[in-house]
């Protein structure tokens, strides 16, 4: 099977934002582990959902059908909403501070808007 990498649009705004968000989540995970390992199960939930957003966006870009493309972006949207939940939980349990929370939520909200718009556009076309 030949991989058609040139067809994958790694320069899309959605992909770039999702990839950048994944990097932030991995760095936060590493930082939180150094700070207090006792909450590692919570950190892993955030790591899983936060990095899954970008992974599914990447998969969507290589989707063989429009239906699969929409499905992968829909999974990304669900993962984004789950990530938002974990961020809010970490803030309310005082594991992350208000500034960290606000910055992460802002990025998560931006991803949700981009994903929603992309899904809507794909359904209309």
N, C-alpha and C. Protein backbone atom coordinates (compact mmCIF):
# COMPACT_ATOMS: atom_id res chain seq x y z
N UNK A 1 0.85 -1.19 0.00
CA UNK A 1 0.00 0.00 0.00
C UNK A 1 0.89 1.24 0.00
N UNK A 2 0.62 2.11 -0.89
CA UNK A 2 1.40 3.34 -1.01
C UNK A 2 0.72 4.46 -0.22
N UNK A 3 1.50 5.13 0.59
CA UNK A 3 0.98 6.24 1.37
C UNK A 3 1.07 7.51 0.54
N UNK A 4 -0.02 8.19 0.39
CA UNK A 4 -0.06 9.41 -0.44
C UNK A 4 0.08 10.65 0.43
N UNK A 5 1.23 10.79 1.06
CA UNK A 5 1.48 11.91 1.96
C UNK A 5 1.24 13.28 1.35
N UNK A 6 1.59 13.52 0.07
CA UNK A 6 1.38 14.87 -0.48
C UNK A 6 -0.09 15.30 -0.46
N UNK A 7 -1.00 14.34 -0.41
CA UNK A 7 -2.42 14.69 -0.39
C UNK A 7 -2.90 15.12 0.99
N UNK A 8 -2.15 14.78 2.03
CA UNK A 8 -2.54 15.13 3.39
C UNK A 8 -2.16 16.59 3.64
N UNK A 9 -3.14 17.36 4.08
CA UNK A 9 -2.95 18.80 4.25
C UNK A 9 -2.49 19.12 5.67
N UNK A 10 -1.19 18.95 5.93
CA UNK A 10 -0.66 19.21 7.26
C UNK A 10 -0.55 20.71 7.54
N UNK A 11 -0.84 21.52 6.55
CA UNK A 11 -0.74 22.96 6.76
C UNK A 11 -2.09 23.58 7.12
N UNK A 12 -3.13 22.76 7.26
CA UNK A 12 -4.44 23.31 7.60
C UNK A 12 -4.41 23.94 9.00
N UNK A 13 -5.17 24.98 9.15
CA UNK A 13 -5.26 25.68 10.44
C UNK A 13 -5.73 24.71 11.53
N UNK A 14 -6.74 23.92 11.24
CA UNK A 14 -7.27 22.98 12.21
C UNK A 14 -6.19 22.00 12.65
N UNK A 15 -5.47 21.43 11.70
CA UNK A 15 -4.41 20.48 12.04
C UNK A 15 -3.34 21.16 12.89
N UNK A 16 -2.90 22.34 12.49
CA UNK A 16 -1.86 23.05 13.22
C UNK A 16 -2.29 23.35 14.65
N UNK A 17 -3.51 23.82 14.80
CA UNK A 17 -4.01 24.16 16.15
C UNK A 17 -4.14 22.89 17.01
N UNK A 18 -4.65 21.82 16.42
CA UNK A 18 -4.82 20.57 17.17
C UNK A 18 -3.46 19.99 17.56
N UNK A 19 -2.50 20.06 16.65
CA UNK A 19 -1.16 19.55 16.95
C UNK A 19 -0.51 20.40 18.05
N UNK A 20 -0.63 21.71 17.94
CA UNK A 20 -0.09 22.59 18.97
C UNK A 20 -0.73 22.36 20.32
N UNK A 21 -2.03 22.11 20.33
CA UNK A 21 -2.73 21.82 21.58
C UNK A 21 -2.22 20.51 22.18
N UNK A 22 -1.99 19.51 21.34
CA UNK A 22 -1.45 18.23 21.81
C UNK A 22 -0.10 18.43 22.49
N UNK A 23 0.73 19.27 21.90
CA UNK A 23 2.03 19.56 22.50
C UNK A 23 1.86 20.18 23.87
N UNK A 24 0.95 21.13 23.99
CA UNK A 24 0.69 21.76 25.29
C UNK A 24 0.23 20.74 26.32
N UNK A 25 -0.64 19.83 25.90
CA UNK A 25 -1.17 18.82 26.82
C UNK A 25 -0.05 17.88 27.29
N UNK A 26 0.83 17.47 26.37
CA UNK A 26 1.94 16.58 26.76
C UNK A 26 2.86 17.30 27.74
N UNK A 27 3.16 18.56 27.46
CA UNK A 27 4.02 19.33 28.37
C UNK A 27 3.36 19.52 29.73
N UNK A 28 2.06 19.78 29.74
CA UNK A 28 1.35 19.91 31.01
C UNK A 28 1.38 18.60 31.78
N UNK A 29 1.16 17.49 31.08
CA UNK A 29 1.21 16.16 31.71
C UNK A 29 2.57 15.95 32.39
N UNK A 30 3.65 16.23 31.66
CA UNK A 30 4.99 16.06 32.22
C UNK A 30 5.19 16.96 33.45
N UNK A 31 4.72 18.19 33.36
CA UNK A 31 4.85 19.14 34.47
C UNK A 31 4.07 18.67 35.69
N UNK A 32 2.84 18.23 35.47
CA UNK A 32 2.00 17.79 36.59
C UNK A 32 2.57 16.54 37.26
N UNK A 33 3.12 15.64 36.47
CA UNK A 33 3.75 14.43 37.04
C UNK A 33 4.92 14.79 37.95
N UNK A 34 5.70 15.78 37.54
CA UNK A 34 6.82 16.21 38.36
C UNK A 34 6.35 16.84 39.66
N UNK A 35 5.22 17.52 39.58
CA UNK A 35 4.67 18.24 40.72
C UNK A 35 4.05 17.28 41.76
N UNK A 36 3.24 16.33 41.28
CA UNK A 36 2.53 15.43 42.20
C UNK A 36 2.04 14.20 41.44
N UNK A 37 2.66 13.08 41.66
CA UNK A 37 2.32 11.85 40.95
C UNK A 37 1.04 11.19 41.46
N UNK A 38 0.54 11.63 42.58
CA UNK A 38 -0.63 10.96 43.18
C UNK A 38 -1.90 11.11 42.34
N UNK A 39 -1.94 12.10 41.46
CA UNK A 39 -3.11 12.31 40.60
C UNK A 39 -2.88 11.81 39.17
N UNK A 40 -1.91 10.95 38.99
CA UNK A 40 -1.55 10.48 37.65
C UNK A 40 -2.74 9.92 36.85
N UNK A 41 -3.68 9.19 37.46
CA UNK A 41 -4.82 8.72 36.66
C UNK A 41 -5.62 9.86 36.02
N UNK A 42 -5.76 10.98 36.72
CA UNK A 42 -6.45 12.14 36.15
C UNK A 42 -5.62 12.74 35.01
N UNK A 43 -4.33 12.86 35.22
CA UNK A 43 -3.45 13.42 34.20
C UNK A 43 -3.51 12.58 32.93
N UNK A 44 -3.55 11.26 33.10
CA UNK A 44 -3.58 10.37 31.94
C UNK A 44 -4.88 10.53 31.14
N UNK A 45 -5.97 10.79 31.83
CA UNK A 45 -7.23 11.02 31.14
C UNK A 45 -7.13 12.27 30.26
N UNK A 46 -6.55 13.31 30.84
CA UNK A 46 -6.35 14.56 30.08
C UNK A 46 -5.40 14.32 28.91
N UNK A 47 -4.32 13.59 29.14
CA UNK A 47 -3.36 13.30 28.08
C UNK A 47 -4.02 12.53 26.94
N UNK A 48 -4.80 11.53 27.29
CA UNK A 48 -5.45 10.70 26.27
C UNK A 48 -6.42 11.51 25.43
N UNK A 49 -7.33 12.22 26.08
CA UNK A 49 -8.34 12.97 25.33
C UNK A 49 -7.74 14.17 24.60
N UNK A 50 -6.81 14.86 25.25
CA UNK A 50 -6.23 16.06 24.66
C UNK A 50 -5.38 15.79 23.43
N UNK A 51 -4.70 14.65 23.39
CA UNK A 51 -3.89 14.31 22.22
C UNK A 51 -4.72 13.60 21.16
N UNK A 52 -5.82 13.03 21.55
CA UNK A 52 -6.69 12.34 20.60
C UNK A 52 -7.35 13.31 19.63
N UNK A 53 -7.52 14.53 20.04
CA UNK A 53 -8.13 15.55 19.16
C UNK A 53 -7.32 15.65 17.87
N UNK A 54 -6.04 15.90 18.01
CA UNK A 54 -5.18 16.05 16.85
C UNK A 54 -5.00 14.76 16.07
N UNK A 55 -4.93 13.65 16.77
CA UNK A 55 -4.77 12.36 16.08
C UNK A 55 -5.96 12.09 15.16
N UNK A 56 -7.15 12.40 15.62
CA UNK A 56 -8.34 12.18 14.79
C UNK A 56 -8.45 13.20 13.66
N UNK A 57 -7.99 14.41 13.89
CA UNK A 57 -7.95 15.41 12.80
C UNK A 57 -7.00 14.91 11.72
N UNK A 58 -5.86 14.38 12.13
CA UNK A 58 -4.89 13.85 11.18
C UNK A 58 -5.49 12.68 10.39
N UNK A 59 -6.18 11.79 11.08
CA UNK A 59 -6.83 10.67 10.40
C UNK A 59 -7.90 11.17 9.43
N UNK A 60 -8.63 12.18 9.81
CA UNK A 60 -9.69 12.73 8.95
C UNK A 60 -9.12 13.22 7.64
N UNK A 61 -7.94 13.79 7.68
CA UNK A 61 -7.34 14.32 6.46
C UNK A 61 -7.02 13.24 5.44
N UNK A 62 -6.96 11.99 5.89
CA UNK A 62 -6.69 10.88 4.98
C UNK A 62 -7.92 9.98 4.82
N UNK A 63 -9.07 10.47 5.24
CA UNK A 63 -10.29 9.67 5.18
C UNK A 63 -10.65 9.35 3.72
N UNK A 64 -11.03 8.10 3.47
CA UNK A 64 -11.37 7.71 2.10
C UNK A 64 -12.73 8.22 1.62
N UNK A 65 -13.61 8.54 2.57
CA UNK A 65 -14.94 9.01 2.20
C UNK A 65 -15.31 10.24 3.02
N UNK A 66 -16.28 10.98 2.53
CA UNK A 66 -16.78 12.14 3.26
C UNK A 66 -17.38 11.72 4.60
N UNK A 67 -18.08 10.60 4.60
CA UNK A 67 -18.69 10.10 5.84
C UNK A 67 -17.61 9.80 6.88
N UNK A 68 -16.52 9.16 6.47
CA UNK A 68 -15.42 8.86 7.39
C UNK A 68 -14.75 10.15 7.86
N UNK A 69 -14.59 11.12 6.95
CA UNK A 69 -14.02 12.42 7.31
C UNK A 69 -14.84 13.08 8.41
N UNK A 70 -16.15 13.12 8.22
CA UNK A 70 -17.05 13.73 9.21
C UNK A 70 -17.00 12.96 10.52
N UNK A 71 -16.97 11.64 10.43
CA UNK A 71 -16.92 10.81 11.63
C UNK A 71 -15.65 11.10 12.45
N UNK A 72 -14.50 11.18 11.79
CA UNK A 72 -13.24 11.44 12.51
C UNK A 72 -13.25 12.83 13.15
N UNK A 73 -13.78 13.81 12.43
CA UNK A 73 -13.87 15.15 13.03
C UNK A 73 -14.87 15.18 14.18
N UNK A 74 -15.92 14.40 14.09
CA UNK A 74 -16.90 14.30 15.18
C UNK A 74 -16.27 13.67 16.42
N UNK A 75 -15.42 12.69 16.21
CA UNK A 75 -14.70 12.08 17.34
C UNK A 75 -13.77 13.12 17.96
N UNK A 76 -13.10 13.90 17.13
CA UNK A 76 -12.24 14.97 17.64
C UNK A 76 -13.03 15.96 18.49
N UNK A 77 -14.22 16.30 18.03
CA UNK A 77 -15.07 17.23 18.77
C UNK A 77 -15.46 16.64 20.13
N UNK A 78 -15.82 15.37 20.15
CA UNK A 78 -16.16 14.71 21.42
C UNK A 78 -14.96 14.68 22.36
N UNK A 79 -13.79 14.40 21.81
CA UNK A 79 -12.57 14.37 22.62
C UNK A 79 -12.24 15.76 23.16
N UNK A 80 -12.51 16.78 22.37
CA UNK A 80 -12.28 18.15 22.81
C UNK A 80 -13.18 18.50 24.00
N UNK A 81 -14.42 18.07 23.91
CA UNK A 81 -15.35 18.33 25.02
C UNK A 81 -14.95 17.55 26.28
N UNK A 82 -14.45 16.33 26.08
CA UNK A 82 -13.97 15.57 27.24
C UNK A 82 -12.75 16.25 27.85
N UNK A 83 -11.86 16.74 27.00
CA UNK A 83 -10.67 17.43 27.47
C UNK A 83 -11.04 18.65 28.28
N UNK A 84 -12.04 19.37 27.81
CA UNK A 84 -12.53 20.53 28.54
C UNK A 84 -12.99 20.13 29.94
N UNK A 85 -13.67 19.01 30.05
CA UNK A 85 -14.12 18.49 31.35
C UNK A 85 -12.93 18.27 32.28
N UNK A 86 -11.89 17.59 31.78
CA UNK A 86 -10.72 17.30 32.63
C UNK A 86 -10.00 18.57 33.03
N UNK A 87 -9.94 19.54 32.14
CA UNK A 87 -9.30 20.82 32.48
C UNK A 87 -10.06 21.50 33.60
N UNK A 88 -11.38 21.52 33.48
CA UNK A 88 -12.20 22.15 34.52
C UNK A 88 -12.07 21.41 35.85
N UNK A 89 -12.02 20.10 35.79
CA UNK A 89 -11.86 19.30 37.01
C UNK A 89 -10.52 19.60 37.68
N UNK A 90 -9.46 19.67 36.89
CA UNK A 90 -8.14 19.96 37.46
C UNK A 90 -8.10 21.35 38.08
N UNK A 91 -8.83 22.28 37.51
CA UNK A 91 -8.87 23.63 38.07
C UNK A 91 -9.66 23.64 39.38
N UNK A 92 -10.82 23.01 39.37
CA UNK A 92 -11.68 23.00 40.57
C UNK A 92 -11.06 22.23 41.73
N UNK A 93 -10.18 21.31 41.43
CA UNK A 93 -9.49 20.56 42.49
C UNK A 93 -8.13 21.17 42.82
N UNK A 94 -7.89 22.35 42.28
CA UNK A 94 -6.70 23.15 42.55
C UNK A 94 -5.40 22.47 42.14
N UNK A 95 -5.48 21.65 41.10
CA UNK A 95 -4.28 21.02 40.55
C UNK A 95 -3.61 21.96 39.56
N UNK A 96 -4.43 22.69 38.80
CA UNK A 96 -3.90 23.75 37.95
C UNK A 96 -4.50 25.08 38.42
N UNK A 97 -3.83 26.16 38.11
CA UNK A 97 -4.31 27.47 38.55
C UNK A 97 -5.26 28.09 37.52
N UNK A 98 -5.82 29.23 37.87
CA UNK A 98 -6.79 29.91 37.02
C UNK A 98 -6.20 30.29 35.66
N UNK A 99 -4.98 30.78 35.66
CA UNK A 99 -4.34 31.21 34.41
C UNK A 99 -4.13 30.01 33.48
N UNK A 100 -3.65 28.90 34.01
CA UNK A 100 -3.47 27.69 33.20
C UNK A 100 -4.82 27.22 32.64
N UNK A 101 -5.82 27.22 33.51
CA UNK A 101 -7.17 26.82 33.11
C UNK A 101 -7.68 27.69 31.97
N UNK A 102 -7.62 28.99 32.15
CA UNK A 102 -8.17 29.91 31.16
C UNK A 102 -7.49 29.76 29.81
N UNK A 103 -6.19 29.61 29.81
CA UNK A 103 -5.44 29.47 28.58
C UNK A 103 -5.80 28.16 27.85
N UNK A 104 -5.87 27.07 28.60
CA UNK A 104 -6.22 25.78 28.01
C UNK A 104 -7.66 25.75 27.51
N UNK A 105 -8.57 26.31 28.29
CA UNK A 105 -9.98 26.34 27.89
C UNK A 105 -10.15 27.19 26.63
N UNK A 106 -9.43 28.29 26.56
CA UNK A 106 -9.50 29.14 25.36
C UNK A 106 -9.09 28.36 24.12
N UNK A 107 -7.99 27.64 24.22
CA UNK A 107 -7.53 26.83 23.08
C UNK A 107 -8.51 25.71 22.76
N UNK A 108 -9.05 25.10 23.78
CA UNK A 108 -10.02 24.01 23.58
C UNK A 108 -11.29 24.55 22.91
N UNK A 109 -11.76 25.68 23.35
CA UNK A 109 -12.94 26.30 22.75
C UNK A 109 -12.70 26.65 21.28
N UNK A 110 -11.50 27.15 20.99
CA UNK A 110 -11.17 27.48 19.61
C UNK A 110 -11.18 26.22 18.73
N UNK A 111 -10.63 25.13 19.25
CA UNK A 111 -10.66 23.86 18.52
C UNK A 111 -12.09 23.40 18.29
N UNK A 112 -12.94 23.53 19.31
CA UNK A 112 -14.34 23.12 19.17
C UNK A 112 -15.05 23.94 18.10
N UNK A 113 -14.78 25.23 18.04
CA UNK A 113 -15.39 26.07 17.01
C UNK A 113 -14.91 25.67 15.61
N UNK A 114 -13.62 25.44 15.47
CA UNK A 114 -13.07 25.02 14.18
C UNK A 114 -13.62 23.66 13.75
N UNK A 115 -13.70 22.75 14.68
CA UNK A 115 -14.23 21.42 14.38
C UNK A 115 -15.70 21.49 13.99
N UNK A 116 -16.48 22.24 14.75
CA UNK A 116 -17.90 22.38 14.45
C UNK A 116 -18.11 22.98 13.07
N UNK A 117 -17.34 24.01 12.76
CA UNK A 117 -17.43 24.65 11.45
C UNK A 117 -17.03 23.69 10.33
N UNK A 118 -15.96 22.94 10.54
CA UNK A 118 -15.50 21.99 9.52
C UNK A 118 -16.52 20.88 9.29
N UNK A 119 -17.12 20.39 10.35
CA UNK A 119 -18.13 19.34 10.24
C UNK A 119 -19.34 19.88 9.49
N UNK A 120 -19.77 21.08 9.85
CA UNK A 120 -20.91 21.70 9.19
C UNK A 120 -20.66 21.89 7.70
N UNK A 121 -19.49 22.41 7.37
CA UNK A 121 -19.13 22.64 5.96
C UNK A 121 -19.09 21.32 5.19
N UNK A 122 -18.50 20.30 5.79
CA UNK A 122 -18.41 19.00 5.12
C UNK A 122 -19.80 18.41 4.88
N UNK A 123 -20.70 18.58 5.81
CA UNK A 123 -22.06 18.05 5.64
C UNK A 123 -22.82 18.79 4.55
N UNK A 124 -22.56 20.09 4.40
CA UNK A 124 -23.26 20.89 3.39
C UNK A 124 -22.73 20.66 2.00
N UNK A 125 -21.49 20.23 1.87
CA UNK A 125 -20.89 20.05 0.53
C UNK A 125 -21.11 18.65 0.00
